Amino acid sequence: METWLLLHLQCFLIGGLVDSSPLTSASRPGSVSTQVGLQVVLPCSWKSHVVGVDGSTCHIQWTNPEDTVFEQQGVRTWQADNFEGRLAVPQDQLGSGNCSLIISDTQIGDAGSYDSFVVVDGVRAKTRVFIQTVTLLVFGQFWVLLTSLLSSGEVFAWLVLMAVCFSLSDHKALQSRGSGEDWVLELHTRHSVRVIFQGRNSSEWTDLWMRGDTNSERVEKHPHKEQLTIKNLQSLDEGLYKVLDKRGLAISTVQLTVAGSSKSSQVEQVLQSRMATGDASKSSCSALLIASLLVTSFQIPHV
């Protein structure tokens, strides 16, 4: 499977290099993008869709393909349980037409399409007037690193297309520490409930930490921050770490190397070198090499 994916991505990348016109960082109309753990606003205005509605008692509804996720009428609000108090509409701006949906602590599972409606009183019954559809895209830090290259207008920016295929949603990072050092793993959000680990030479995933666990001699959860400290790193700690939410979706993936060189550290060095020097002569060959290393370093796990 991994071999097929690598070949497919390389062919896709080569095909894209024929036309090296730069992509733009702007999303397509009707879409909003954010990172896991951040706040995002899905824009909406009801003023141009209905007339004669009292803004102070305006009834706004947001839905996704599965169900209604949020409603607000005046000061009364309701939201779906799976959003756990993370949704809001700006009450002080509702009268002027702003019915944008604010999502706090965005999770991977929040990605998808959202429809907004204003509910008006009819002669015999209430009527829902459709306002618009907004698509929410939830990305990770690794995606943001690659998209930052788009402004250069070079061939190297086509790495973003590879990232779409296999690194779209969760945070990804390549990190290196020395033997005996302590390492801090970012959990990113209070919705992180589990950390699993796969050793560098293993195909098995094991539980490293669960929310609510008592701190051990080597693994310690920060009492206030969403951070996990792994103490006194050893060579056996080298491998992949995945932070999961309660639905089993990956919030982040970190490949850790301990006191040595590996494909992941080579990729990190190449990326940092290119970002630091701003060399305008990046070649398609080096882009393909880095893409190959990225795919083989972040092999898709089967948890």
C-alpha atoms as a PDB file:
ATOM      1  CA  MET A   1       0.000   0.000   0.000  1.00  0.00           C
ATOM      2  CA  GLU A   2       2.770   2.460   0.995  1.00  0.00           C
ATOM      3  CA  THR A   3       4.747   1.653  -2.173  1.00  0.00           C
ATOM      4  CA  TRP A   4       1.707   2.278  -4.371  1.00  0.00           C
ATOM      5  CA  LEU A   5       1.018   5.560  -2.559  1.00  0.00           C
ATOM      6  CA  LEU A   6       4.622   6.700  -3.023  1.00  0.00           C
ATOM      7  CA  LEU A   7       4.605   5.946  -6.749  1.00  0.00           C
ATOM      8  CA  HIS A   8       1.199   7.549  -7.225  1.00  0.00           C
ATOM      9  CA  LEU A   9       2.242  10.739  -5.441  1.00  0.00           C
ATOM     10  CA  GLN A  10       5.506  10.973  -7.385  1.00  0.00           C
ATOM     11  CA  CYS A  11       3.679  10.611 -10.712  1.00  0.00           C
ATOM     12  CA  PHE A  12       1.136  13.190  -9.583  1.00  0.00           C
ATOM     13  CA  LEU A  13       3.917  15.555  -8.574  1.00  0.00           C
ATOM     14  CA  ILE A  14       5.809  15.100 -11.861  1.00  0.00           C
ATOM     15  CA  GLY A  15       2.634  15.758 -13.838  1.00  0.00           C
ATOM     16  CA  GLY A  16       2.105  18.968 -11.919  1.00  0.00           C
ATOM     17  CA  LEU A  17       5.634  20.157 -12.652  1.00  0.00           C
ATOM     18  CA  VAL A  18       4.794  20.430 -16.358  1.00  0.00           C
ATOM     19  CA  ASP A  19       2.838  23.546 -15.445  1.00  0.00           C
ATOM     20  CA  SER A  20       4.795  25.367 -12.733  1.00  0.00           C
ATOM     21  CA  SER A  21       2.390  28.278 -12.348  1.00  0.00           C
ATOM     22  CA  PRO A  22       2.072  28.982  -8.614  1.00  0.00           C
ATOM     23  CA  LEU A  23      -0.981  28.086  -6.595  1.00  0.00           C
ATOM     24  CA  THR A  24      -2.529  30.741  -4.415  1.00  0.00           C
ATOM     25  CA  SER A  25      -3.129  30.423  -0.705  1.00  0.00           C
ATOM     26  CA  ALA A  26      -6.695  31.675  -1.022  1.00  0.00           C
ATOM     27  CA  SER A  27      -9.386  29.092  -0.479  1.00  0.00           C
ATOM     28  CA  ARG A  28     -12.133  28.538  -2.982  1.00  0.00           C
ATOM     29  CA  PRO A  29     -15.226  30.724  -2.476  1.00  0.00           C
ATOM     30  CA  GLY A  30     -17.397  29.583   0.422  1.00  0.00           C
ATOM     31  CA  SER A  31     -14.588  27.833   2.291  1.00  0.00           C
ATOM     32  CA  VAL A  32     -12.686  28.666   5.466  1.00  0.00           C
ATOM     33  CA  SER A  33      -9.560  26.944   6.749  1.00  0.00           C
ATOM     34  CA  THR A  34      -8.012  26.700  10.211  1.00  0.00           C
ATOM     35  CA  GLN A  35      -5.755  24.562  12.367  1.00  0.00           C
ATOM     36  CA  VAL A  36      -6.713  22.095  15.075  1.00  0.00           C
ATOM     37  CA  GLY A  37      -7.182  23.844  18.423  1.00  0.00           C
ATOM     38  CA  LEU A  38      -7.727  27.354  17.032  1.00  0.00           C
ATOM     39  CA  GLN A  39     -10.852  29.508  16.767  1.00  0.00           C
ATOM     40  CA  VAL A  40     -12.484  29.926  13.363  1.00  0.00           C
ATOM     41  CA  VAL A  41     -15.359  32.064  12.064  1.00  0.00           C
ATOM     42  CA  LEU A  42     -17.803  30.828   9.411  1.00  0.00           C
ATOM     43  CA  PRO A  43     -19.047  34.107   7.867  1.00  0.00           C
ATOM     44  CA  CYS A  44     -22.746  34.809   7.479  1.00  0.00           C
ATOM     45  CA  SER A  45     -25.084  37.800   7.041  1.00  0.00           C
ATOM     46  CA  TRP A  46     -28.867  37.543   6.972  1.00  0.00           C
ATOM     47  CA  LYS A  47     -29.755  41.185   6.124  1.00  0.00           C
ATOM     48  CA  SER A  48     -29.928  40.746   2.328  1.00  0.00           C
ATOM     49  CA  HIS A  49     -32.068  37.596   2.527  1.00  0.00           C
ATOM     50  CA  VAL A  50     -35.093  38.717   4.550  1.00  0.00           C
ATOM     51  CA  VAL A  51     -36.847  41.991   5.340  1.00  0.00           C
ATOM     52  CA  GLY A  52     -39.005  43.078   8.249  1.00  0.00           C
ATOM     53  CA  VAL A  53     -37.179  40.912  10.796  1.00  0.00           C
ATOM     54  CA  ASP A  54     -36.396  42.297  14.242  1.00  0.00           C
ATOM     55  CA  GLY A  55     -32.672  41.815  14.706  1.00  0.00           C
ATOM     56  CA  SER A  56     -32.993  41.552  18.492  1.00  0.00           C
ATOM     57  CA  THR A  57     -35.181  38.440  18.162  1.00  0.00           C
ATOM     58  CA  CYS A  58     -33.717  37.080  14.926  1.00  0.00           C
ATOM     59  CA  HIS A  59     -33.816  33.265  14.750  1.00  0.00           C
ATOM     60  CA  ILE A  60     -30.594  31.836  13.233  1.00  0.00           C
ATOM     61  CA  GLN A  61     -29.942  28.166  12.507  1.00  0.00           C
ATOM     62  CA  TRP A  62     -26.737  26.388  11.433  1.00  0.00           C
ATOM     63  CA  THR A  63     -26.762  22.806  10.186  1.00  0.00           C
ATOM     64  CA  ASN A  64     -24.336  20.243   8.796  1.00  0.00           C
ATOM     65  CA  PRO A  65     -25.259  17.240   6.609  1.00  0.00           C
ATOM     66  CA  GLU A  66     -26.013  15.176   9.722  1.00  0.00           C
ATOM     67  CA  ASP A  67     -28.085  17.471  11.924  1.00  0.00           C
ATOM     68  CA  THR A  68     -28.697  20.939  13.320  1.00  0.00           C
ATOM     69  CA  VAL A  69     -25.585  22.084  15.196  1.00  0.00           C
ATOM     70  CA  PHE A  70     -26.602  25.539  16.494  1.00  0.00           C
ATOM     71  CA  GLU A  71     -29.666  27.766  16.926  1.00  0.00           C
ATOM     72  CA  GLN A  72     -30.075  31.220  18.385  1.00  0.00           C
ATOM     73  CA  GLN A  73     -33.234  33.271  18.841  1.00  0.00           C
ATOM     74  CA  GLY A  74     -32.698  36.490  20.723  1.00  0.00           C
ATOM     75  CA  VAL A  75     -30.696  35.567  23.817  1.00  0.00           C
ATOM     76  CA  ARG A  76     -31.747  31.911  23.725  1.00  0.00           C
ATOM     77  CA  THR A  77     -29.222  29.471  22.246  1.00  0.00           C
ATOM     78  CA  TRP A  78     -28.923  25.741  21.603  1.00  0.00           C
ATOM     79  CA  GLN A  79     -26.047  23.661  20.249  1.00  0.00           C
ATOM     80  CA  ALA A  80     -25.338  20.006  19.520  1.00  0.00           C
ATOM     81  CA  ASP A  81     -23.731  17.942  22.279  1.00  0.00           C
ATOM     82  CA  ASN A  82     -20.662  17.007  20.233  1.00  0.00           C
ATOM     83  CA  PHE A  83     -19.596  20.670  20.095  1.00  0.00           C
ATOM     84  CA  GLU A  84     -19.553  20.872  23.898  1.00  0.00           C
ATOM     85  CA  GLY A  85     -20.122  24.611  24.311  1.00  0.00           C
ATOM     86  CA  ARG A  86     -17.719  25.575  21.522  1.00  0.00           C
ATOM     87  CA  LEU A  87     -20.231  27.408  19.263  1.00  0.00           C
ATOM     88  CA  ALA A  88     -21.483  30.994  19.351  1.00  0.00           C
ATOM     89  CA  VAL A  89     -22.979  33.736  17.181  1.00  0.00           C
ATOM     90  CA  PRO A  90     -22.015  37.361  18.009  1.00  0.00           C
ATOM     91  CA  GLN A  91     -25.097  38.488  19.935  1.00  0.00           C
ATOM     92  CA  ASP A  92     -24.155  42.167  19.869  1.00  0.00           C
ATOM     93  CA  GLN A  93     -23.871  42.136  16.056  1.00  0.00           C
ATOM     94  CA  LEU A  94     -26.866  39.968  15.229  1.00  0.00           C
ATOM     95  CA  GLY A  95     -29.178  42.962  14.845  1.00  0.00           C
ATOM     96  CA  SER A  96     -26.910  44.448  12.161  1.00  0.00           C
ATOM     97  CA  GLY A  97     -27.000  41.197  10.191  1.00  0.00           C
ATOM     98  CA  ASN A  98     -23.893  39.352  11.372  1.00  0.00           C
ATOM     99  CA  CYS A  99     -24.899  35.748  12.051  1.00  0.00           C
ATOM    100  CA  SER A 100     -21.405  34.250  11.630  1.00  0.00           C
ATOM    101  CA  LEU A 101     -20.779  30.978  13.481  1.00  0.00           C
ATOM    102  CA  ILE A 102     -17.764  31.072  15.814  1.00  0.00           C
ATOM    103  CA  ILE A 103     -16.186  27.666  16.508  1.00  0.00           C
ATOM    104  CA  SER A 104     -13.681  27.544  19.370  1.00  0.00           C
ATOM    105  CA  ASP A 105     -10.990  24.885  19.899  1.00  0.00           C
ATOM    106  CA  THR A 106     -11.579  23.491  16.404  1.00  0.00           C
ATOM    107  CA  GLN A 107     -11.339  19.704  16.071  1.00  0.00           C
ATOM    108  CA  ILE A 108     -10.632  17.528  13.036  1.00  0.00           C
ATOM    109  CA  GLY A 109     -14.148  16.129  13.228  1.00  0.00           C
ATOM    110  CA  ASP A 110     -15.558  19.655  12.779  1.00  0.00           C
ATOM    111  CA  ALA A 111     -14.446  19.697   9.122  1.00  0.00           C
ATOM    112  CA  GLY A 112     -17.254  19.647   6.566  1.00  0.00           C
ATOM    113  CA  SER A 113     -20.000  21.797   5.101  1.00  0.00           C
ATOM    114  CA  TYR A 114     -22.291  24.044   7.147  1.00  0.00           C
ATOM    115  CA  ASP A 115     -25.574  25.612   5.979  1.00  0.00           C
ATOM    116  CA  SER A 116     -27.008  28.754   7.584  1.00  0.00           C
ATOM    117  CA  PHE A 117     -30.683  29.730   7.720  1.00  0.00           C
ATOM    118  CA  VAL A 118     -32.834  32.500   9.138  1.00  0.00           C
ATOM    119  CA  VAL A 119     -36.181  31.281  10.470  1.00  0.00           C
ATOM    120  CA  VAL A 120     -39.095  33.684   9.879  1.00  0.00           C
ATOM    121  CA  ASP A 121     -42.722  33.571  10.948  1.00  0.00           C
ATOM    122  CA  GLY A 122     -45.145  32.767   8.136  1.00  0.00           C
ATOM    123  CA  VAL A 123     -48.900  33.082   7.917  1.00  0.00           C
ATOM    124  CA  ARG A 124     -49.431  29.499   9.044  1.00  0.00           C
ATOM    125  CA  ALA A 125     -45.990  28.245  10.058  1.00  0.00           C
ATOM    126  CA  LYS A 126     -42.365  29.196  10.415  1.00  0.00           C
ATOM    127  CA  THR A 127     -40.231  29.197   7.254  1.00  0.00           C
ATOM    128  CA  ARG A 128     -36.508  28.593   6.922  1.00  0.00           C
ATOM    129  CA  VAL A 129     -34.765  30.940   4.487  1.00  0.00           C
ATOM    130  CA  PHE A 130     -31.449  29.595   3.234  1.00  0.00           C
ATOM    131  CA  ILE A 131     -28.512  32.027   3.542  1.00  0.00           C
ATOM    132  CA  GLN A 132     -25.383  30.194   2.380  1.00  0.00           C
ATOM    133  CA  THR A 133     -23.115  27.155   2.627  1.00  0.00           C
ATOM    134  CA  VAL A 134     -19.614  27.373   4.107  1.00  0.00           C
ATOM    135  CA  THR A 135     -17.076  24.552   3.930  1.00  0.00           C
ATOM    136  CA  LEU A 136     -14.690  24.244   6.862  1.00  0.00           C
ATOM    137  CA  LEU A 137     -11.227  22.777   6.232  1.00  0.00           C
ATOM    138  CA  VAL A 138      -9.169  21.753   9.277  1.00  0.00           C
ATOM    139  CA  PHE A 139      -5.428  21.407   8.725  1.00  0.00           C
ATOM    140  CA  GLY A 140      -2.292  20.729  10.762  1.00  0.00           C
ATOM    141  CA  GLN A 141       0.975  22.621  11.238  1.00  0.00           C
ATOM    142  CA  PHE A 142       2.813  20.558   8.606  1.00  0.00           C
ATOM    143  CA  TRP A 143       0.315  21.727   5.988  1.00  0.00           C
ATOM    144  CA  VAL A 144       0.873  25.354   7.021  1.00  0.00           C
ATOM    145  CA  LEU A 145       4.643  24.924   6.659  1.00  0.00           C
ATOM    146  CA  LEU A 146       4.250  23.702   3.097  1.00  0.00           C
ATOM    147  CA  THR A 147       1.666  26.299   2.066  1.00  0.00           C
ATOM    148  CA  SER A 148       4.042  29.021   3.236  1.00  0.00           C
ATOM    149  CA  LEU A 149       6.212  28.057   0.260  1.00  0.00           C
ATOM    150  CA  LEU A 150       3.502  28.948  -2.239  1.00  0.00           C
ATOM    151  CA  SER A 151       4.349  32.651  -2.207  1.00  0.00           C
ATOM    152  CA  SER A 152       7.718  31.880  -3.821  1.00  0.00           C
ATOM    153  CA  GLY A 153       6.011  30.767  -7.047  1.00  0.00           C
ATOM    154  CA  GLU A 154       8.413  27.853  -7.580  1.00  0.00           C
ATOM    155  CA  VAL A 155       8.223  24.204  -8.444  1.00  0.00           C
ATOM    156  CA  PHE A 156       8.879  23.276  -4.808  1.00  0.00           C
ATOM    157  CA  ALA A 157       5.390  24.527  -3.913  1.00  0.00           C
ATOM    158  CA  TRP A 158       3.928  21.428  -5.586  1.00  0.00           C
ATOM    159  CA  LEU A 159       4.809  19.560  -2.405  1.00  0.00           C
ATOM    160  CA  VAL A 160       1.571  21.016  -1.105  1.00  0.00           C
ATOM    161  CA  LEU A 161      -0.348  18.758  -3.450  1.00  0.00           C
ATOM    162  CA  MET A 162       1.360  15.743  -1.943  1.00  0.00           C
ATOM    163  CA  ALA A 163       0.434  17.012   1.499  1.00  0.00           C
ATOM    164  CA  VAL A 164      -3.238  17.151   0.457  1.00  0.00           C
ATOM    165  CA  CYS A 165      -3.161  13.430  -0.270  1.00  0.00           C
ATOM    166  CA  PHE A 166      -1.600  12.126   2.904  1.00  0.00           C
ATOM    167  CA  SER A 167      -1.080  14.939   5.416  1.00  0.00           C
ATOM    168  CA  LEU A 168      -4.247  16.971   5.170  1.00  0.00           C
ATOM    169  CA  SER A 169      -5.775  17.150   8.598  1.00  0.00           C
ATOM    170  CA  ASP A 170      -3.655  16.638  11.692  1.00  0.00           C
ATOM    171  CA  HIS A 171      -0.547  18.442  12.955  1.00  0.00           C
ATOM    172  CA  LYS A 172       2.641  16.739  11.778  1.00  0.00           C
ATOM    173  CA  ALA A 173       6.185  17.343  12.974  1.00  0.00           C
ATOM    174  CA  LEU A 174       9.692  15.943  12.760  1.00  0.00           C
ATOM    175  CA  GLN A 175      11.664  16.345  15.992  1.00  0.00           C
ATOM    176  CA  SER A 176      15.065  15.212  17.257  1.00  0.00           C
ATOM    177  CA  ARG A 177      16.398  14.990  20.818  1.00  0.00           C
ATOM    178  CA  GLY A 178      19.510  13.635  22.470  1.00  0.00           C
ATOM    179  CA  SER A 179      19.627  10.533  24.624  1.00  0.00           C
ATOM    180  CA  GLY A 180      18.899  11.326  28.270  1.00  0.00           C
ATOM    181  CA  GLU A 181      17.016  14.559  27.480  1.00  0.00           C
ATOM    182  CA  ASP A 182      13.401  15.309  28.397  1.00  0.00           C
ATOM    183  CA  TRP A 183      10.941  15.841  25.534  1.00  0.00           C
ATOM    184  CA  VAL A 184       7.669  17.796  25.604  1.00  0.00           C
ATOM    185  CA  LEU A 185       4.887  16.445  23.375  1.00  0.00           C
ATOM    186  CA  GLU A 186       2.198  19.017  22.571  1.00  0.00           C
ATOM    187  CA  LEU A 187      -1.364  17.718  23.061  1.00  0.00           C
ATOM    188  CA  HIS A 188      -2.735  20.906  21.390  1.00  0.00           C
ATOM    189  CA  THR A 189      -6.218  20.774  22.942  1.00  0.00           C
ATOM    190  CA  ARG A 190      -8.145  19.624  25.989  1.00  0.00           C
ATOM    191  CA  HIS A 191      -9.986  17.241  23.679  1.00  0.00           C
ATOM    192  CA  SER A 192      -6.861  15.089  23.356  1.00  0.00           C
ATOM    193  CA  VAL A 193      -7.560  11.900  25.296  1.00  0.00           C
ATOM    194  CA  ARG A 194      -4.939   9.378  24.210  1.00  0.00           C
ATOM    195  CA  VAL A 195      -1.346   9.106  22.965  1.00  0.00           C
ATOM    196  CA  ILE A 196      -0.157   6.016  21.119  1.00  0.00           C
ATOM    197  CA  PHE A 197       3.382   5.070  20.136  1.00  0.00           C
ATOM    198  CA  GLN A 198       4.952   2.994  17.365  1.00  0.00           C
ATOM    199  CA  GLY A 199       8.647   2.165  17.714  1.00  0.00           C
ATOM    200  CA  ARG A 200      10.925   2.859  14.758  1.00  0.00           C
ATOM    201  CA  ASN A 201      11.404  -0.850  14.016  1.00  0.00           C
ATOM    202  CA  SER A 202       7.922  -1.976  15.027  1.00  0.00           C
ATOM    203  CA  SER A 203       4.580  -2.281  13.262  1.00  0.00           C
ATOM    204  CA  GLU A 204       2.575  -2.343  16.495  1.00  0.00           C
ATOM    205  CA  TRP A 205       0.923   0.633  18.203  1.00  0.00           C
ATOM    206  CA  THR A 206       0.881   0.754  22.010  1.00  0.00           C
ATOM    207  CA  ASP A 207      -0.860   3.093  24.475  1.00  0.00           C
ATOM    208  CA  LEU A 208       1.545   5.589  26.012  1.00  0.00           C
ATOM    209  CA  TRP A 209      -0.916   7.832  27.858  1.00  0.00           C
ATOM    210  CA  MET A 210      -4.654   8.238  28.507  1.00  0.00           C
ATOM    211  CA  ARG A 211      -6.283  11.368  29.933  1.00  0.00           C
ATOM    212  CA  GLY A 212      -6.837  10.810  33.620  1.00  0.00           C
ATOM    213  CA  ASP A 213      -3.789   8.563  34.013  1.00  0.00           C
ATOM    214  CA  THR A 214      -1.575   9.090  37.044  1.00  0.00           C
ATOM    215  CA  ASN A 215       1.849  10.488  36.190  1.00  0.00           C
ATOM    216  CA  SER A 216       4.559   7.846  35.998  1.00  0.00           C
ATOM    217  CA  GLU A 217       8.306   8.053  36.514  1.00  0.00           C
ATOM    218  CA  ARG A 218       8.878   8.808  32.822  1.00  0.00           C
ATOM    219  CA  VAL A 219       5.585  10.212  31.500  1.00  0.00           C
ATOM    220  CA  GLU A 220       4.137  13.324  33.115  1.00  0.00           C
ATOM    221  CA  LYS A 221       1.146  15.487  32.127  1.00  0.00           C
ATOM    222  CA  HIS A 222       1.557  19.199  32.837  1.00  0.00           C
ATOM    223  CA  PRO A 223      -0.974  20.236  35.519  1.00  0.00           C
ATOM    224  CA  HIS A 224      -2.205  23.261  33.541  1.00  0.00           C
ATOM    225  CA  LYS A 225      -0.888  23.133  29.950  1.00  0.00           C
ATOM    226  CA  GLU A 226      -1.849  20.593  27.295  1.00  0.00           C
ATOM    227  CA  GLN A 227       1.631  19.060  27.274  1.00  0.00           C
ATOM    228  CA  LEU A 228       3.075  15.627  27.992  1.00  0.00           C
ATOM    229  CA  THR A 229       6.704  15.303  29.112  1.00  0.00           C
ATOM    230  CA  ILE A 230       8.634  12.120  28.405  1.00  0.00           C
ATOM    231  CA  LYS A 231      11.718  12.036  30.607  1.00  0.00           C
ATOM    232  CA  ASN A 232      15.192  10.600  30.085  1.00  0.00           C
ATOM    233  CA  LEU A 233      14.804   9.678  26.407  1.00  0.00           C
ATOM    234  CA  GLN A 234      16.347   6.423  25.239  1.00  0.00           C
ATOM    235  CA  SER A 235      16.871   4.936  21.779  1.00  0.00           C
ATOM    236  CA  LEU A 236      13.770   2.786  22.266  1.00  0.00           C
ATOM    237  CA  ASP A 237      11.686   5.984  22.454  1.00  0.00           C
ATOM    238  CA  GLU A 238      12.456   6.735  18.798  1.00  0.00           C
ATOM    239  CA  GLY A 239       9.427   6.379  16.532  1.00  0.00           C
ATOM    240  CA  LEU A 240       5.972   7.802  15.823  1.00  0.00           C
ATOM    241  CA  TYR A 241       3.697   9.423  18.403  1.00  0.00           C
ATOM    242  CA  LYS A 242       0.024  10.082  17.633  1.00  0.00           C
ATOM    243  CA  VAL A 243      -2.278  12.257  19.744  1.00  0.00           C
ATOM    244  CA  LEU A 244      -5.921  11.160  19.390  1.00  0.00           C
ATOM    245  CA  ASP A 245      -9.282  12.659  20.316  1.00  0.00           C
ATOM    246  CA  LYS A 246     -12.171  10.745  21.874  1.00  0.00           C
ATOM    247  CA  ARG A 247     -13.366   9.606  18.435  1.00  0.00           C
ATOM    248  CA  GLY A 248      -9.972   8.139  17.621  1.00  0.00           C
ATOM    249  CA  LEU A 249      -9.122  10.861  15.096  1.00  0.00           C
ATOM    250  CA  ALA A 250      -5.494  12.015  14.957  1.00  0.00           C
ATOM    251  CA  ILE A 251      -4.871  15.504  16.333  1.00  0.00           C
ATOM    252  CA  SER A 252      -1.126  15.313  15.756  1.00  0.00           C
ATOM    253  CA  THR A 253       1.588  12.960  14.535  1.00  0.00           C
ATOM    254  CA  VAL A 254       5.211  13.438  15.604  1.00  0.00           C
ATOM    255  CA  GLN A 255       8.185  11.447  14.380  1.00  0.00           C
ATOM    256  CA  LEU A 256      10.896  11.546  17.039  1.00  0.00           C
ATOM    257  CA  THR A 257      14.547  10.648  16.525  1.00  0.00           C
ATOM    258  CA  VAL A 258      16.846  10.124  19.492  1.00  0.00           C
ATOM    259  CA  ALA A 259      20.601  10.830  19.274  1.00  0.00           C
ATOM    260  CA  GLY A 260      20.926   9.733  15.632  1.00  0.00           C
ATOM    261  CA  SER A 261      20.127  10.359  11.984  1.00  0.00           C
ATOM    262  CA  SER A 262      17.112   9.046  10.111  1.00  0.00           C
ATOM    263  CA  LYS A 263      15.008   9.870   7.096  1.00  0.00           C
ATOM    264  CA  SER A 264      12.857  12.155   9.218  1.00  0.00           C
ATOM    265  CA  SER A 265      15.808  14.228  10.469  1.00  0.00           C
ATOM    266  CA  GLN A 266      17.150  14.491   6.917  1.00  0.00           C
ATOM    267  CA  VAL A 267      13.841  15.897   5.723  1.00  0.00           C
ATOM    268  CA  GLU A 268      13.747  18.378   8.610  1.00  0.00           C
ATOM    269  CA  GLN A 269      17.263  19.597   7.792  1.00  0.00           C
ATOM    270  CA  VAL A 270      16.438  20.066   4.097  1.00  0.00           C
ATOM    271  CA  LEU A 271      13.219  21.966   4.841  1.00  0.00           C
ATOM    272  CA  GLN A 272      14.910  24.222   7.411  1.00  0.00           C
ATOM    273  CA  SER A 273      17.797  24.900   5.036  1.00  0.00           C
ATOM    274  CA  ARG A 274      15.457  25.930   2.223  1.00  0.00           C
ATOM    275  CA  MET A 275      13.327  28.105   4.493  1.00  0.00           C
ATOM    276  CA  ALA A 276      16.452  29.855   5.886  1.00  0.00           C
ATOM    277  CA  THR A 277      18.299  30.552   2.647  1.00  0.00           C
ATOM    278  CA  GLY A 278      15.290  31.401   0.446  1.00  0.00           C
ATOM    279  CA  ASP A 279      17.171  29.901  -2.489  1.00  0.00           C
ATOM    280  CA  ALA A 280      15.183  30.668  -5.642  1.00  0.00           C
ATOM    281  CA  SER A 281      16.802  27.845  -7.592  1.00  0.00           C
ATOM    282  CA  LYS A 282      14.986  24.933  -5.973  1.00  0.00           C
ATOM    283  CA  SER A 283      14.846  22.100  -8.484  1.00  0.00           C
ATOM    284  CA  SER A 284      12.080  19.650  -9.279  1.00  0.00           C
ATOM    285  CA  CYS A 285      14.464  16.774  -8.552  1.00  0.00           C
ATOM    286  CA  SER A 286      15.056  17.915  -4.975  1.00  0.00           C
ATOM    287  CA  ALA A 287      11.323  18.469  -4.524  1.00  0.00           C
ATOM    288  CA  LEU A 288      10.642  14.889  -5.576  1.00  0.00           C
ATOM    289  CA  LEU A 289      13.359  13.616  -3.253  1.00  0.00           C
ATOM    290  CA  ILE A 290      11.855  15.423  -0.277  1.00  0.00           C
ATOM    291  CA  ALA A 291       8.361  14.239  -1.211  1.00  0.00           C
ATOM    292  CA  SER A 292       9.627  10.646  -1.306  1.00  0.00           C
ATOM    293  CA  LEU A 293      11.286  11.007   2.090  1.00  0.00           C
ATOM    294  CA  LEU A 294       8.163  12.559   3.579  1.00  0.00           C
ATOM    295  CA  VAL A 295       5.931   9.744   2.363  1.00  0.00           C
ATOM    296  CA  THR A 296       8.245   7.007   3.589  1.00  0.00           C
ATOM    297  CA  SER A 297       8.891   8.770   6.909  1.00  0.00           C
ATOM    298  CA  PHE A 298       5.181   9.339   7.684  1.00  0.00           C
ATOM    299  CA  GLN A 299       3.835   5.960   6.619  1.00  0.00           C
ATOM    300  CA  ILE A 300       0.095   5.808   7.134  1.00  0.00           C
ATOM    301  CA  PRO A 301      -0.466   3.805  10.347  1.00  0.00           C
ATOM    302  CA  HIS A 302      -3.160   1.230  10.915  1.00  0.00           C
ATOM    303  CA  VAL A 303      -4.248   1.754  14.526  1.00  0.00           C
END
